[in-house]
């Protein structure tokens, strides 16, 4: 049992909302990303324990990573 003000759906989600995301490594950091129709990748969330990583503009949520940047 969880004692929290959040609803069950806030904690466990509706089931399929996370299926569109995947975890990948970008510039040696784990990120949750969403693949776009044109092949580019949209950064959803940086998964890091280093607070300095969150200050980097390359890892701001919503950043679009093009295929050319991935191939480098």
N, C-alpha and C. Protein backbone atom coordinates (compact mmCIF):
# COMPACT_ATOMS: atom_id res chain seq x y z
N UNK A 1 0.85 -1.17 0.00
CA UNK A 1 0.00 0.00 0.00
C UNK A 1 0.90 1.24 0.00
N UNK A 2 0.56 2.18 -0.83
CA UNK A 2 1.30 3.44 -0.89
C UNK A 2 0.47 4.54 -0.23
N UNK A 3 1.10 5.29 0.64
CA UNK A 3 0.45 6.43 1.27
C UNK A 3 0.92 7.68 0.55
N UNK A 4 0.12 8.14 -0.37
CA UNK A 4 0.49 9.28 -1.21
C UNK A 4 -0.77 10.03 -1.63
N UNK A 5 -0.65 11.34 -1.87
CA UNK A 5 -1.81 12.10 -2.37
C UNK A 5 -2.07 11.88 -3.86
N UNK A 6 -1.18 11.15 -4.54
CA UNK A 6 -1.33 10.93 -5.97
C UNK A 6 -2.33 9.81 -6.23
N UNK A 7 -2.99 9.88 -7.35
CA UNK A 7 -3.93 8.82 -7.73
C UNK A 7 -3.16 7.61 -8.25
N UNK A 8 -3.86 6.49 -8.35
CA UNK A 8 -3.26 5.26 -8.86
C UNK A 8 -2.70 5.47 -10.26
N UNK A 9 -3.44 6.17 -11.13
CA UNK A 9 -2.99 6.40 -12.51
C UNK A 9 -1.79 7.33 -12.58
N UNK A 10 -1.64 8.25 -11.62
CA UNK A 10 -0.46 9.11 -11.60
C UNK A 10 0.80 8.30 -11.32
N UNK A 11 0.69 7.28 -10.51
CA UNK A 11 1.84 6.47 -10.15
C UNK A 11 2.10 5.39 -11.19
N UNK A 12 1.07 4.67 -11.58
CA UNK A 12 1.24 3.52 -12.47
C UNK A 12 0.94 3.83 -13.93
N UNK A 13 0.41 5.00 -14.23
CA UNK A 13 0.11 5.35 -15.60
C UNK A 13 -1.11 4.62 -16.13
N UNK A 14 -1.41 4.88 -17.37
CA UNK A 14 -2.57 4.26 -18.01
C UNK A 14 -2.18 3.02 -18.81
N UNK A 15 -0.95 2.63 -18.73
CA UNK A 15 -0.54 1.39 -19.39
C UNK A 15 0.34 1.61 -20.60
N UNK A 16 -0.16 2.24 -21.63
CA UNK A 16 0.58 2.31 -22.89
C UNK A 16 1.26 3.65 -23.13
N UNK A 17 1.18 4.57 -22.21
CA UNK A 17 1.75 5.89 -22.47
C UNK A 17 3.28 5.87 -22.52
N UNK A 18 3.92 4.88 -21.90
CA UNK A 18 5.38 4.82 -21.92
C UNK A 18 5.91 3.93 -23.04
N UNK A 19 5.04 3.27 -23.77
CA UNK A 19 5.48 2.41 -24.85
C UNK A 19 6.10 3.19 -26.00
N UNK A 20 5.77 4.45 -26.12
CA UNK A 20 6.31 5.26 -27.20
C UNK A 20 7.72 5.76 -26.91
N UNK A 21 8.20 5.57 -25.69
CA UNK A 21 9.53 6.04 -25.29
C UNK A 21 10.49 4.87 -25.21
N UNK A 22 11.77 5.17 -25.40
CA UNK A 22 12.80 4.17 -25.22
C UNK A 22 14.00 4.82 -24.55
N UNK A 23 14.85 4.02 -23.96
CA UNK A 23 16.05 4.52 -23.30
C UNK A 23 17.24 4.25 -24.21
N UNK A 24 18.05 5.28 -24.41
CA UNK A 24 19.24 5.14 -25.23
C UNK A 24 20.37 5.96 -24.64
N UNK A 25 21.57 5.69 -25.08
CA UNK A 25 22.74 6.44 -24.62
C UNK A 25 23.08 7.49 -25.68
N UNK A 26 23.23 8.72 -25.23
CA UNK A 26 23.59 9.83 -26.12
C UNK A 26 24.66 10.64 -25.40
N UNK A 27 25.81 10.81 -26.00
CA UNK A 27 26.95 11.50 -25.42
C UNK A 27 27.29 10.93 -24.04
N UNK A 28 27.32 9.61 -23.96
CA UNK A 28 27.67 8.87 -22.75
C UNK A 28 26.73 9.12 -21.58
N UNK A 29 25.48 9.47 -21.86
CA UNK A 29 24.47 9.67 -20.82
C UNK A 29 23.19 8.95 -21.23
N UNK A 30 22.52 8.33 -20.27
CA UNK A 30 21.27 7.63 -20.54
C UNK A 30 20.14 8.66 -20.67
N UNK A 31 19.31 8.49 -21.68
CA UNK A 31 18.20 9.41 -21.94
C UNK A 31 16.95 8.62 -22.30
N UNK A 32 15.82 9.14 -21.91
CA UNK A 32 14.54 8.63 -22.37
C UNK A 32 14.17 9.46 -23.59
N UNK A 33 13.91 8.77 -24.71
CA UNK A 33 13.69 9.47 -25.98
C UNK A 33 12.45 8.93 -26.68
N UNK A 34 11.99 9.72 -27.66
CA UNK A 34 10.87 9.33 -28.51
C UNK A 34 11.33 9.47 -29.96
N UNK A 35 11.16 8.43 -30.74
CA UNK A 35 11.52 8.49 -32.17
C UNK A 35 10.41 9.21 -32.93
N UNK A 36 10.81 10.14 -33.77
CA UNK A 36 9.86 10.90 -34.58
C UNK A 36 9.71 10.24 -35.95
N UNK A 37 8.68 10.62 -36.67
CA UNK A 37 8.39 10.01 -37.97
C UNK A 37 9.49 10.22 -38.99
N UNK A 38 10.20 11.35 -38.92
CA UNK A 38 11.25 11.64 -39.90
C UNK A 38 12.59 11.00 -39.53
N UNK A 39 12.63 10.22 -38.43
CA UNK A 39 13.85 9.53 -38.03
C UNK A 39 14.64 10.24 -36.95
N UNK A 40 14.31 11.50 -36.70
CA UNK A 40 14.98 12.22 -35.64
C UNK A 40 14.49 11.70 -34.29
N UNK A 41 15.16 12.14 -33.24
CA UNK A 41 14.82 11.70 -31.89
C UNK A 41 14.55 12.92 -31.02
N UNK A 42 13.50 12.85 -30.22
CA UNK A 42 13.15 13.91 -29.30
C UNK A 42 13.52 13.47 -27.89
N UNK A 43 14.32 14.27 -27.21
CA UNK A 43 14.74 13.96 -25.85
C UNK A 43 13.59 14.25 -24.90
N UNK A 44 13.17 13.24 -24.15
CA UNK A 44 12.08 13.38 -23.20
C UNK A 44 12.62 13.66 -21.81
N UNK A 45 13.63 12.88 -21.39
CA UNK A 45 14.14 13.01 -20.04
C UNK A 45 15.58 12.53 -19.98
N UNK A 46 16.40 13.26 -19.26
CA UNK A 46 17.77 12.84 -18.99
C UNK A 46 17.75 11.96 -17.74
N UNK A 47 18.39 10.80 -17.83
CA UNK A 47 18.44 9.87 -16.71
C UNK A 47 19.87 9.88 -16.17
N UNK A 48 20.13 10.73 -15.21
CA UNK A 48 21.48 10.90 -14.69
C UNK A 48 21.44 11.18 -13.20
N UNK A 49 22.51 10.80 -12.52
CA UNK A 49 22.65 11.14 -11.10
C UNK A 49 23.60 12.31 -10.90
N UNK A 50 24.19 12.82 -11.98
CA UNK A 50 25.11 13.95 -11.89
C UNK A 50 24.34 15.25 -12.10
N UNK A 51 24.25 16.10 -11.09
CA UNK A 51 23.50 17.36 -11.23
C UNK A 51 24.04 18.26 -12.34
N UNK A 52 25.32 18.18 -12.64
CA UNK A 52 25.91 19.03 -13.68
C UNK A 52 25.36 18.69 -15.07
N UNK A 53 24.96 17.45 -15.27
CA UNK A 53 24.41 17.04 -16.57
C UNK A 53 23.14 17.82 -16.91
N UNK A 54 22.36 18.16 -15.90
CA UNK A 54 21.09 18.84 -16.14
C UNK A 54 21.27 20.31 -16.53
N UNK A 55 22.48 20.83 -16.40
CA UNK A 55 22.76 22.21 -16.79
C UNK A 55 23.18 22.32 -18.25
N UNK A 56 23.39 21.20 -18.91
CA UNK A 56 23.82 21.20 -20.31
C UNK A 56 22.61 21.41 -21.23
N UNK A 57 22.73 22.37 -22.14
CA UNK A 57 21.62 22.67 -23.06
C UNK A 57 21.28 21.52 -23.99
N UNK A 58 22.26 20.67 -24.29
CA UNK A 58 22.01 19.53 -25.19
C UNK A 58 21.02 18.53 -24.61
N UNK A 59 20.79 18.59 -23.30
CA UNK A 59 19.93 17.61 -22.64
C UNK A 59 18.65 18.22 -22.09
N UNK A 60 18.27 19.37 -22.60
CA UNK A 60 17.01 19.99 -22.19
C UNK A 60 15.84 19.17 -22.75
N UNK A 61 14.80 18.94 -21.95
CA UNK A 61 13.64 18.20 -22.46
C UNK A 61 13.06 18.86 -23.70
N UNK A 62 12.74 18.05 -24.69
CA UNK A 62 12.18 18.57 -25.93
C UNK A 62 13.22 18.81 -27.02
N UNK A 63 14.50 18.67 -26.69
CA UNK A 63 15.56 18.85 -27.67
C UNK A 63 15.44 17.80 -28.76
N UNK A 64 15.52 18.24 -30.02
CA UNK A 64 15.45 17.33 -31.16
C UNK A 64 16.89 16.97 -31.54
N UNK A 65 17.16 15.68 -31.60
CA UNK A 65 18.47 15.18 -31.99
C UNK A 65 18.33 14.60 -33.39
N UNK A 66 19.02 15.20 -34.34
CA UNK A 66 18.92 14.74 -35.73
C UNK A 66 19.73 13.48 -35.93
N UNK A 67 19.42 12.76 -37.00
CA UNK A 67 20.15 11.54 -37.32
C UNK A 67 21.63 11.81 -37.54
N UNK A 68 21.97 12.95 -38.10
CA UNK A 68 23.37 13.28 -38.37
C UNK A 68 24.15 13.41 -37.06
N UNK A 69 23.54 13.97 -36.01
CA UNK A 69 24.22 14.11 -34.73
C UNK A 69 24.39 12.76 -34.05
N UNK A 70 23.50 11.82 -34.31
CA UNK A 70 23.59 10.50 -33.71
C UNK A 70 24.73 9.69 -34.32
N UNK A 71 25.02 9.92 -35.60
CA UNK A 71 26.03 9.14 -36.30
C UNK A 71 27.44 9.56 -35.96
N UNK A 72 27.60 10.69 -35.30
CA UNK A 72 28.95 11.17 -34.96
C UNK A 72 29.53 10.39 -33.82
